[in-house]
C-alpha atoms as a PDB file:
ATOM      1  CA  MET A   1      57.763  34.380 129.659  1.00  0.00           C
ATOM      2  CA  LYS A   2      56.411  31.464 127.645  1.00  0.00           C
ATOM      3  CA  ALA A   3      52.858  31.470 126.286  1.00  0.00           C
ATOM      4  CA  GLY A   4      51.925  28.427 128.392  1.00  0.00           C
ATOM      5  CA  SER A   5      53.090  30.173 131.555  1.00  0.00           C
ATOM      6  CA  ARG A   6      51.053  33.264 130.688  1.00  0.00           C
ATOM      7  CA  TRP A   7      47.915  31.165 130.192  1.00  0.00           C
ATOM      8  CA  LEU A   8      48.515  29.391 133.488  1.00  0.00           C
ATOM      9  CA  MET A   9      49.044  32.701 135.290  1.00  0.00           C
ATOM     10  CA  ALA A  10      45.907  34.190 133.670  1.00  0.00           C
ATOM     11  CA  PHE A  11      43.896  31.090 134.634  1.00  0.00           C
ATOM     12  CA  CYS A  12      45.118  31.286 138.254  1.00  0.00           C
ATOM     13  CA  LEU A  13      44.277  34.993 138.437  1.00  0.00           C
ATOM     14  CA  LEU A  14      40.798  34.321 137.052  1.00  0.00           C
ATOM     15  CA  LEU A  15      40.314  31.498 139.563  1.00  0.00           C
ATOM     16  CA  VAL A  16      41.344  33.761 142.453  1.00  0.00           C
ATOM     17  CA  CYS A  17      38.942  36.493 141.269  1.00  0.00           C
ATOM     18  CA  LEU A  18      36.037  34.067 140.928  1.00  0.00           C
ATOM     19  CA  THR A  19      36.728  32.492 144.316  1.00  0.00           C
ATOM     20  CA  SER A  20      36.929  35.836 146.110  1.00  0.00           C
ATOM     21  CA  ALA A  21      33.796  37.133 144.338  1.00  0.00           C
ATOM     22  CA  GLY A  22      31.844  34.060 145.437  1.00  0.00           C
ATOM     23  CA  ALA A  23      33.089  34.327 149.015  1.00  0.00           C
ATOM     24  CA  ALA A  24      31.626  37.815 149.377  1.00  0.00           C
ATOM     25  CA  GLU A  25      28.129  36.509 148.637  1.00  0.00           C
ATOM     26  CA  TYR A  26      27.741  34.551 151.861  1.00  0.00           C
ATOM     27  CA  GLY A  27      28.660  34.877 155.509  1.00  0.00           C
ATOM     28  CA  PHE A  28      27.287  36.485 158.644  1.00  0.00           C
ATOM     29  CA  ARG A  29      27.770  40.095 159.717  1.00  0.00           C
ATOM     30  CA  ILE A  30      26.825  41.640 163.048  1.00  0.00           C
ATOM     31  CA  LEU A  31      25.517  45.143 162.449  1.00  0.00           C
ATOM     32  CA  ARG A  32      24.837  46.168 166.051  1.00  0.00           C
ATOM     33  CA  ALA A  33      24.931  44.682 169.549  1.00  0.00           C
ATOM     34  CA  GLU A  34      24.081  46.019 172.984  1.00  0.00           C
ATOM     35  CA  LEU A  35      23.906  44.627 176.525  1.00  0.00           C
ATOM     36  CA  LYS A  36      21.123  46.048 178.700  1.00  0.00           C
ATOM     37  CA  PRO A  37      20.508  45.497 182.414  1.00  0.00           C
ATOM     38  CA  ASP A  38      17.465  43.372 183.190  1.00  0.00           C
ATOM     39  CA  PRO A  39      15.077  44.264 186.029  1.00  0.00           C
ATOM     40  CA  THR A  40      16.033  40.923 187.592  1.00  0.00           C
ATOM     41  CA  PRO A  41      19.154  41.301 189.765  1.00  0.00           C
ATOM     42  CA  GLN A  42      22.384  40.331 188.004  1.00  0.00           C
ATOM     43  CA  ALA A  43      20.671  39.543 184.711  1.00  0.00           C
ATOM     44  CA  TYR A  44      21.222  41.200 181.355  1.00  0.00           C
ATOM     45  CA  ARG A  45      19.585  41.236 177.945  1.00  0.00           C
ATOM     46  CA  LEU A  46      21.196  41.214 174.519  1.00  0.00           C
ATOM     47  CA  ASP A  47      19.861  43.173 171.563  1.00  0.00           C
ATOM     48  CA  ALA A  48      21.600  42.603 168.237  1.00  0.00           C
ATOM     49  CA  ASP A  49      21.060  42.965 164.510  1.00  0.00           C
ATOM     50  CA  ILE A  50      22.731  40.346 162.324  1.00  0.00           C
ATOM     51  CA  ASP A  51      22.836  39.978 158.556  1.00  0.00           C
ATOM     52  CA  TYR A  52      22.682  36.259 157.710  1.00  0.00           C
ATOM     53  CA  ARG A  53      23.717  35.204 154.212  1.00  0.00           C
ATOM     54  CA  PHE A  54      23.797  31.442 153.817  1.00  0.00           C
ATOM     55  CA  SER A  55      25.809  29.799 151.059  1.00  0.00           C
ATOM     56  CA  GLU A  56      24.076  27.811 148.319  1.00  0.00           C
ATOM     57  CA  PRO A  57      25.111  24.428 149.800  1.00  0.00           C
ATOM     58  CA  ALA A  58      23.673  25.434 153.199  1.00  0.00           C
ATOM     59  CA  ILE A  59      20.396  26.665 151.675  1.00  0.00           C
ATOM     60  CA  ASP A  60      20.160  23.531 149.543  1.00  0.00           C
ATOM     61  CA  ALA A  61      20.691  21.320 152.599  1.00  0.00           C
ATOM     62  CA  LEU A  62      18.130  23.319 154.596  1.00  0.00           C
ATOM     63  CA  GLN A  63      15.527  23.027 151.836  1.00  0.00           C
ATOM     64  CA  ASN A  64      16.151  19.280 151.676  1.00  0.00           C
ATOM     65  CA  GLY A  65      15.357  18.705 155.342  1.00  0.00           C
ATOM     66  CA  VAL A  66      18.710  19.261 157.071  1.00  0.00           C
ATOM     67  CA  SER A  67      18.442  21.348 160.247  1.00  0.00           C
ATOM     68  CA  LEU A  68      21.133  23.990 160.695  1.00  0.00           C
ATOM     69  CA  THR A  69      22.302  24.935 164.175  1.00  0.00           C
ATOM     70  CA  LEU A  70      23.703  28.391 164.828  1.00  0.00           C
ATOM     71  CA  VAL A  71      25.614  29.426 167.945  1.00  0.00           C
ATOM     72  CA  LEU A  72      25.748  32.954 169.372  1.00  0.00           C
ATOM     73  CA  HIS A  73      28.742  33.580 171.657  1.00  0.00           C
ATOM     74  CA  VAL A  74      28.559  36.596 173.996  1.00  0.00           C
ATOM     75  CA  LYS A  75      31.513  37.574 176.133  1.00  0.00           C
ATOM     76  CA  ALA A  76      32.129  40.522 178.457  1.00  0.00           C
ATOM     77  CA  LYS A  77      35.300  41.481 180.317  1.00  0.00           C
ATOM     78  CA  ARG A  78      36.028  44.176 182.864  1.00  0.00           C
ATOM     79  CA  ASP A  79      38.724  46.572 181.672  1.00  0.00           C
ATOM     80  CA  SER A  80      41.625  46.674 184.070  1.00  0.00           C
ATOM     81  CA  ASP A  81      45.177  47.917 184.241  1.00  0.00           C
ATOM     82  CA  SER A  82      46.516  44.403 184.667  1.00  0.00           C
ATOM     83  CA  TRP A  83      47.603  42.267 181.745  1.00  0.00           C
ATOM     84  CA  ARG A  84      44.586  40.006 182.162  1.00  0.00           C
ATOM     85  CA  ASP A  85      41.022  41.332 182.077  1.00  0.00           C
ATOM     86  CA  GLU A  86      38.421  39.708 184.306  1.00  0.00           C
ATOM     87  CA  VAL A  87      35.761  37.697 182.441  1.00  0.00           C
ATOM     88  CA  ILE A  88      32.312  38.705 183.639  1.00  0.00           C
ATOM     89  CA  MET A  89      30.168  36.897 181.079  1.00  0.00           C
ATOM     90  CA  ASP A  90      30.847  34.049 178.664  1.00  0.00           C
ATOM     91  CA  GLU A  91      27.683  32.481 177.242  1.00  0.00           C
ATOM     92  CA  LYS A  92      26.746  30.488 174.188  1.00  0.00           C
ATOM     93  CA  HIS A  93      23.183  30.289 172.906  1.00  0.00           C
ATOM     94  CA  SER A  94      22.223  27.967 170.105  1.00  0.00           C
ATOM     95  CA  PHE A  95      19.139  27.686 167.937  1.00  0.00           C
ATOM     96  CA  ARG A  96      18.097  25.543 165.000  1.00  0.00           C
ATOM     97  CA  VAL A  97      16.574  26.515 161.685  1.00  0.00           C
ATOM     98  CA  ARG A  98      14.778  23.989 159.537  1.00  0.00           C
ATOM     99  CA  TYR A  99      12.405  23.673 156.597  1.00  0.00           C
ATOM    100  CA  HIS A 100       9.294  21.493 156.420  1.00  0.00           C
ATOM    101  CA  ALA A 101       8.572  20.500 152.826  1.00  0.00           C
ATOM    102  CA  LEU A 102       4.982  19.398 153.488  1.00  0.00           C
ATOM    103  CA  SER A 103       3.878  22.669 155.075  1.00  0.00           C
ATOM    104  CA  LYS A 104       6.398  24.710 153.038  1.00  0.00           C
ATOM    105  CA  GLN A 105       7.423  26.600 156.145  1.00  0.00           C
ATOM    106  CA  TYR A 106      10.744  27.561 157.662  1.00  0.00           C
ATOM    107  CA  GLN A 107      11.155  27.327 161.419  1.00  0.00           C
ATOM    108  CA  ILE A 108      13.364  28.627 164.203  1.00  0.00           C
ATOM    109  CA  VAL A 109      13.543  26.402 167.271  1.00  0.00           C
ATOM    110  CA  TYR A 110      15.087  27.735 170.482  1.00  0.00           C
ATOM    111  CA  PRO A 111      16.170  24.974 172.907  1.00  0.00           C
ATOM    112  CA  ASP A 112      14.956  26.939 175.938  1.00  0.00           C
ATOM    113  CA  ASP A 113      11.275  26.657 175.092  1.00  0.00           C
ATOM    114  CA  GLY A 114      11.257  24.188 172.177  1.00  0.00           C
ATOM    115  CA  THR A 115       8.320  25.949 170.534  1.00  0.00           C
ATOM    116  CA  PRO A 116       9.015  26.547 166.843  1.00  0.00           C
ATOM    117  CA  ARG A 117       8.326  29.889 165.179  1.00  0.00           C
ATOM    118  CA  ASN A 118       7.079  29.458 161.618  1.00  0.00           C
ATOM    119  CA  PHE A 119       7.845  31.572 158.531  1.00  0.00           C
ATOM    120  CA  VAL A 120       6.486  31.371 154.991  1.00  0.00           C
ATOM    121  CA  SER A 121       9.722  32.385 153.239  1.00  0.00           C
ATOM    122  CA  LEU A 122      13.462  32.171 153.673  1.00  0.00           C
ATOM    123  CA  ASN A 123      13.689  35.981 153.700  1.00  0.00           C
ATOM    124  CA  ALA A 124      11.176  36.197 156.569  1.00  0.00           C
ATOM    125  CA  LEU A 125      13.170  33.583 158.489  1.00  0.00           C
ATOM    126  CA  LEU A 126      16.463  35.445 157.948  1.00  0.00           C
ATOM    127  CA  GLU A 127      14.912  38.747 159.004  1.00  0.00           C
ATOM    128  CA  ALA A 128      13.552  37.229 162.227  1.00  0.00           C
ATOM    129  CA  MET A 129      16.868  35.493 162.970  1.00  0.00           C
ATOM    130  CA  GLY A 130      18.725  38.745 162.452  1.00  0.00           C
ATOM    131  CA  SER A 131      16.654  40.729 164.925  1.00  0.00           C
ATOM    132  CA  ILE A 132      17.594  39.557 168.414  1.00  0.00           C
ATOM    133  CA  ARG A 133      15.715  41.348 171.168  1.00  0.00           C
ATOM    134  CA  ASP A 134      15.914  40.793 174.919  1.00  0.00           C
ATOM    135  CA  LEU A 135      17.921  37.560 174.877  1.00  0.00           C
ATOM    136  CA  PRO A 136      18.411  36.783 178.605  1.00  0.00           C
ATOM    137  CA  LEU A 137      22.000  36.454 179.844  1.00  0.00           C
ATOM    138  CA  ARG A 138      23.448  35.648 183.265  1.00  0.00           C
ATOM    139  CA  PRO A 139      26.904  37.009 184.164  1.00  0.00           C
ATOM    140  CA  ILE A 140      29.455  34.790 185.904  1.00  0.00           C
ATOM    141  CA  LYS A 141      30.378  37.690 188.192  1.00  0.00           C
ATOM    142  CA  PRO A 142      28.520  40.925 188.988  1.00  0.00           C
ATOM    143  CA  PHE A 143      28.964  44.031 186.874  1.00  0.00           C
ATOM    144  CA  LEU A 144      30.263  46.834 189.083  1.00  0.00           C
ATOM    145  CA  ALA A 145      29.155  50.448 188.980  1.00  0.00           C
ATOM    146  CA  LYS A 146      31.471  53.023 187.411  1.00  0.00           C
ATOM    147  CA  GLN A 147      33.492  50.392 185.563  1.00  0.00           C
ATOM    148  CA  ARG A 148      34.278  50.033 181.875  1.00  0.00           C
ATOM    149  CA  TYR A 149      33.620  46.765 180.098  1.00  0.00           C
ATOM    150  CA  ARG A 150      34.507  45.267 176.736  1.00  0.00           C
ATOM    151  CA  ALA A 151      31.981  42.951 175.131  1.00  0.00           C
ATOM    152  CA  SER A 152      32.089  40.790 172.036  1.00  0.00           C
ATOM    153  CA  LEU A 153      29.613  38.792 169.993  1.00  0.00           C
ATOM    154  CA  ASP A 154      30.009  36.316 167.175  1.00  0.00           C
ATOM    155  CA  VAL A 155      27.777  33.777 165.460  1.00  0.00           C
ATOM    156  CA  THR A 156      28.771  30.527 163.736  1.00  0.00           C
ATOM    157  CA  LEU A 157      27.157  27.643 161.926  1.00  0.00           C
ATOM    158  CA  ASP A 158      27.797  24.509 164.007  1.00  0.00           C
ATOM    159  CA  ILE A 159      29.197  21.959 161.546  1.00  0.00           C
ATOM    160  CA  GLU A 160      29.298  19.317 164.307  1.00  0.00           C
ATOM    161  CA  SER A 161      25.487  19.380 164.514  1.00  0.00           C
ATOM    162  CA  LEU A 162      25.084  18.426 160.845  1.00  0.00           C
ATOM    163  CA  PRO A 163      24.109  14.828 160.028  1.00  0.00           C
ATOM    164  CA  LEU A 164      27.155  12.557 160.066  1.00  0.00           C
ATOM    165  CA  PRO A 165      27.199  11.834 156.286  1.00  0.00           C
ATOM    166  CA  LEU A 166      27.265  15.580 155.532  1.00  0.00           C
ATOM    167  CA  ARG A 167      30.068  16.547 157.932  1.00  0.00           C
ATOM    168  CA  PRO A 168      33.060  15.432 155.811  1.00  0.00           C
ATOM    169  CA  VAL A 169      31.744  17.468 152.873  1.00  0.00           C
ATOM    170  CA  ALA A 170      31.143  20.445 155.156  1.00  0.00           C
ATOM    171  CA  TYR A 171      34.656  20.238 156.611  1.00  0.00           C
ATOM    172  CA  LEU A 172      36.201  20.213 153.141  1.00  0.00           C
ATOM    173  CA  THR A 173      34.005  22.904 151.555  1.00  0.00           C
ATOM    174  CA  PRO A 174      34.672  26.588 152.375  1.00  0.00           C
ATOM    175  CA  ALA A 175      31.010  27.450 151.707  1.00  0.00           C
ATOM    176  CA  TRP A 176      30.070  25.602 154.913  1.00  0.00           C
ATOM    177  CA  TYR A 177      32.351  27.725 157.116  1.00  0.00           C
ATOM    178  CA  LEU A 178      29.735  30.320 157.920  1.00  0.00           C
ATOM    179  CA  ASP A 179      30.518  32.680 160.760  1.00  0.00           C
ATOM    180  CA  SER A 180      30.757  36.342 161.582  1.00  0.00           C
ATOM    181  CA  PRO A 181      33.789  38.412 162.396  1.00  0.00           C
ATOM    182  CA  LEU A 182      34.014  39.151 166.108  1.00  0.00           C
ATOM    183  CA  TYR A 183      31.901  42.239 166.860  1.00  0.00           C
ATOM    184  CA  LYS A 184      33.355  44.270 169.762  1.00  0.00           C
ATOM    185  CA  TRP A 185      32.070  47.211 171.748  1.00  0.00           C
ATOM    186  CA  THR A 186      32.679  48.937 175.073  1.00  0.00           C
ATOM    187  CA  PHE A 187      30.199  50.136 177.654  1.00  0.00           C
ATOM    188  CA  ALA A 188      30.142  51.524 181.184  1.00  0.00           C
ATOM    189  CA  GLU A 189      28.009  50.242 184.019  1.00  0.00           C
END
């Protein structure tokens, strides 16, 4: 093997190592999720713990006034012997996070009520975002007693909600593809 080829191979290996090391520093991870019946008929509540790790470009954009929209996707299916399981619930909930430079506060804004929740630090914001308690959900069809169900949850950064001039950069930069692996669990009603 020629010396030039060895240097090229070593450079490529180093590039792969640096790229994979950087990729592990950001992303979303769902630690726990649970669906609970609500006292209201045919309503449920979601509890979940999520570890949010934004990439440097996303944090930089946030701290420069760009709102970031995140989407939670909850799905539940009834287990059956047929090849196709019946979808009982399929809901998406979005919320925005933003930073106000004048007040030096981070905010979460839920579209349902529109009232922002304020935080003095990015860590406080991430901790609050990651602790979802009693998020109301409405099934498409009723959950039946003595049945097994499979549920899933994932969360993604909505690139389409970014300002138009930032979208092409976001589409071409891996650091903007922030999402979680699909978290799955089973439960019985």
